Amino acid sequence: MTTYIPNDIQKDLDAARLKRLKSSSKLRVETPDGYFRVLRMWENGFSVASEDAPHLRGFVDLYEGPSQLFQCLIVAADEEAGEMRYEFKRMTAVATSAARDFAAEGEVPAGLIDQTELPA
């Protein structure tokens, strides 16, 4: 027995799958040309709907909602089933705080209590 699906049904199945992926993803990739919703992400790459994104390459920023997660250097890998796949050449996590230029010494108090505020 063979599993043959006619082309028009396969196109409809691919469109339904892409619609589900678009609605469930919170990730987006931002370029100087705009931003594009990320359909899937894996260890060494991600995919974007091929109808939305051109062949991206170079530096991009990867966001989850309003917060930036990574700065990435990417190259276009291949296109299949309505998805354009990209591979990371470099993926650097974005720091949430500034780098310190000194070594922290021991425990640091969370705050100071002013003597005038203490009850007598």
Protein backbone atom coordinates (compact mmCIF):
# COMPACT_ATOMS: atom_id res chain seq x y z
CA MET A 1 0.00 0.00 0.00
CA THR A 2 1.29 3.45 -0.85
CA THR A 3 0.57 6.73 0.86
CA TYR A 4 -0.15 9.16 -1.90
CA ILE A 5 -1.66 12.54 -1.12
CA PRO A 6 -2.75 14.75 -4.01
CA ASN A 7 -0.90 18.07 -4.35
CA ASP A 8 -3.91 20.26 -3.58
CA ILE A 9 -4.64 18.37 -0.36
CA GLN A 10 -0.94 18.50 0.61
CA LYS A 11 -0.95 22.30 0.09
CA ASP A 12 -4.01 22.62 2.33
CA LEU A 13 -2.38 20.46 5.02
CA ASP A 14 0.81 22.55 4.87
CA ALA A 15 -1.19 25.79 5.09
CA ALA A 16 -3.09 24.52 8.15
CA ARG A 17 0.17 23.44 9.83
CA LEU A 18 1.81 26.83 9.17
CA LYS A 19 -1.26 28.66 10.49
CA ARG A 20 -1.11 26.62 13.72
CA LEU A 21 2.62 27.26 14.12
CA LYS A 22 2.19 31.02 13.54
CA SER A 23 -0.54 31.33 16.13
CA SER A 24 1.31 29.36 18.81
CA SER A 25 4.77 30.92 18.50
CA LYS A 26 5.86 33.88 20.63
CA LEU A 27 9.32 34.12 19.08
CA ARG A 28 10.23 36.64 16.39
CA VAL A 29 13.37 37.53 14.52
CA GLU A 30 14.12 41.20 13.90
CA THR A 31 16.21 42.51 11.02
CA PRO A 32 16.80 46.02 9.65
CA ASP A 33 14.02 45.23 7.11
CA GLY A 34 11.43 44.40 9.78
CA TYR A 35 10.48 41.47 11.95
CA PHE A 36 9.26 37.97 11.14
CA ARG A 37 7.49 35.40 13.33
CA VAL A 38 9.58 32.32 14.11
CA LEU A 39 7.62 29.13 13.52
CA ARG A 40 10.01 26.68 15.15
CA MET A 41 13.39 26.89 16.87
CA TRP A 42 15.88 24.11 17.57
CA GLU A 43 19.44 23.88 18.90
CA ASN A 44 21.23 25.15 15.80
CA GLY A 45 18.55 27.01 13.87
CA PHE A 46 15.00 28.22 13.37
CA SER A 47 12.36 28.46 10.67
CA VAL A 48 10.18 31.27 9.31
CA ALA A 49 7.25 31.08 6.89
CA SER A 50 8.79 31.29 3.41
CA GLU A 51 6.01 33.59 2.18
CA ASP A 52 6.85 36.16 4.89
CA ALA A 53 10.63 36.29 4.93
CA PRO A 54 13.19 36.85 2.23
CA HIS A 55 16.46 34.93 2.24
CA LEU A 56 17.85 36.41 5.45
CA ARG A 57 21.51 36.36 6.31
CA GLY A 58 23.83 38.22 8.61
CA PHE A 59 23.10 39.60 12.07
CA VAL A 60 19.57 39.37 13.48
CA ASP A 61 18.01 39.71 16.93
CA LEU A 62 15.80 36.98 18.37
CA TYR A 63 12.98 38.08 20.69
CA GLU A 64 10.39 36.36 22.85
CA GLY A 65 7.63 38.89 23.26
CA PRO A 66 9.25 42.21 24.26
CA SER A 67 12.48 40.73 25.67
CA GLN A 68 15.53 40.11 23.52
CA LEU A 69 17.02 36.64 23.95
CA PHE A 70 19.86 36.33 21.45
CA GLN A 71 21.96 38.18 18.90
CA CYS A 72 22.57 35.77 16.05
CA LEU A 73 24.61 35.44 12.91
CA ILE A 74 22.56 33.34 10.49
CA VAL A 75 22.63 31.85 7.00
CA ALA A 76 19.72 30.50 4.95
CA ALA A 77 19.78 26.71 4.91
CA ASP A 78 16.86 25.42 2.83
CA GLU A 79 13.18 25.77 2.06
CA GLU A 80 10.69 22.97 2.54
CA ALA A 81 6.91 22.72 3.00
CA GLY A 82 6.38 26.47 3.26
CA GLU A 83 9.14 27.00 5.83
CA MET A 84 12.45 28.75 5.24
CA ARG A 85 15.07 27.27 7.54
CA TYR A 86 18.07 29.18 8.87
CA GLU A 87 21.14 27.96 10.71
CA PHE A 88 23.06 29.77 13.41
CA LYS A 89 26.71 30.50 12.75
CA ARG A 90 26.82 32.30 16.08
CA MET A 91 24.22 32.72 18.82
CA THR A 92 25.04 35.01 21.76
CA ALA A 93 22.73 35.36 24.75
CA VAL A 94 21.87 38.95 25.64
CA ALA A 95 22.96 39.99 29.13
CA THR A 96 20.26 41.33 31.44
CA SER A 97 22.68 43.41 33.50
CA ALA A 98 25.84 45.37 32.86
CA ALA A 99 29.17 43.63 33.22
CA ARG A 100 31.07 44.41 36.40
CA ASP A 101 34.59 45.72 36.18
CA PHE A 102 35.43 44.64 39.74
CA ALA A 103 35.27 41.51 41.88
CA ALA A 104 32.44 41.34 44.41
CA GLU A 105 33.66 40.87 47.98
CA GLY A 106 31.59 38.57 50.16
CA GLU A 107 28.01 39.25 51.19
CA VAL A 108 26.60 42.65 50.36
CA PRO A 109 23.72 43.97 52.49
CA ALA A 110 20.39 44.34 50.72
CA GLY A 111 19.85 47.77 52.25
CA LEU A 112 20.65 50.00 55.22
CA ILE A 113 18.32 50.88 58.10
CA ASP A 114 18.40 54.51 59.10
CA GLN A 115 18.74 55.06 62.86
CA THR A 116 16.01 57.74 62.85
CA GLU A 117 13.44 55.22 61.62
CA LEU A 118 13.96 52.75 64.50
CA PRO A 119 11.34 52.77 67.30
CA ALA A 120 12.64 53.80 70.76
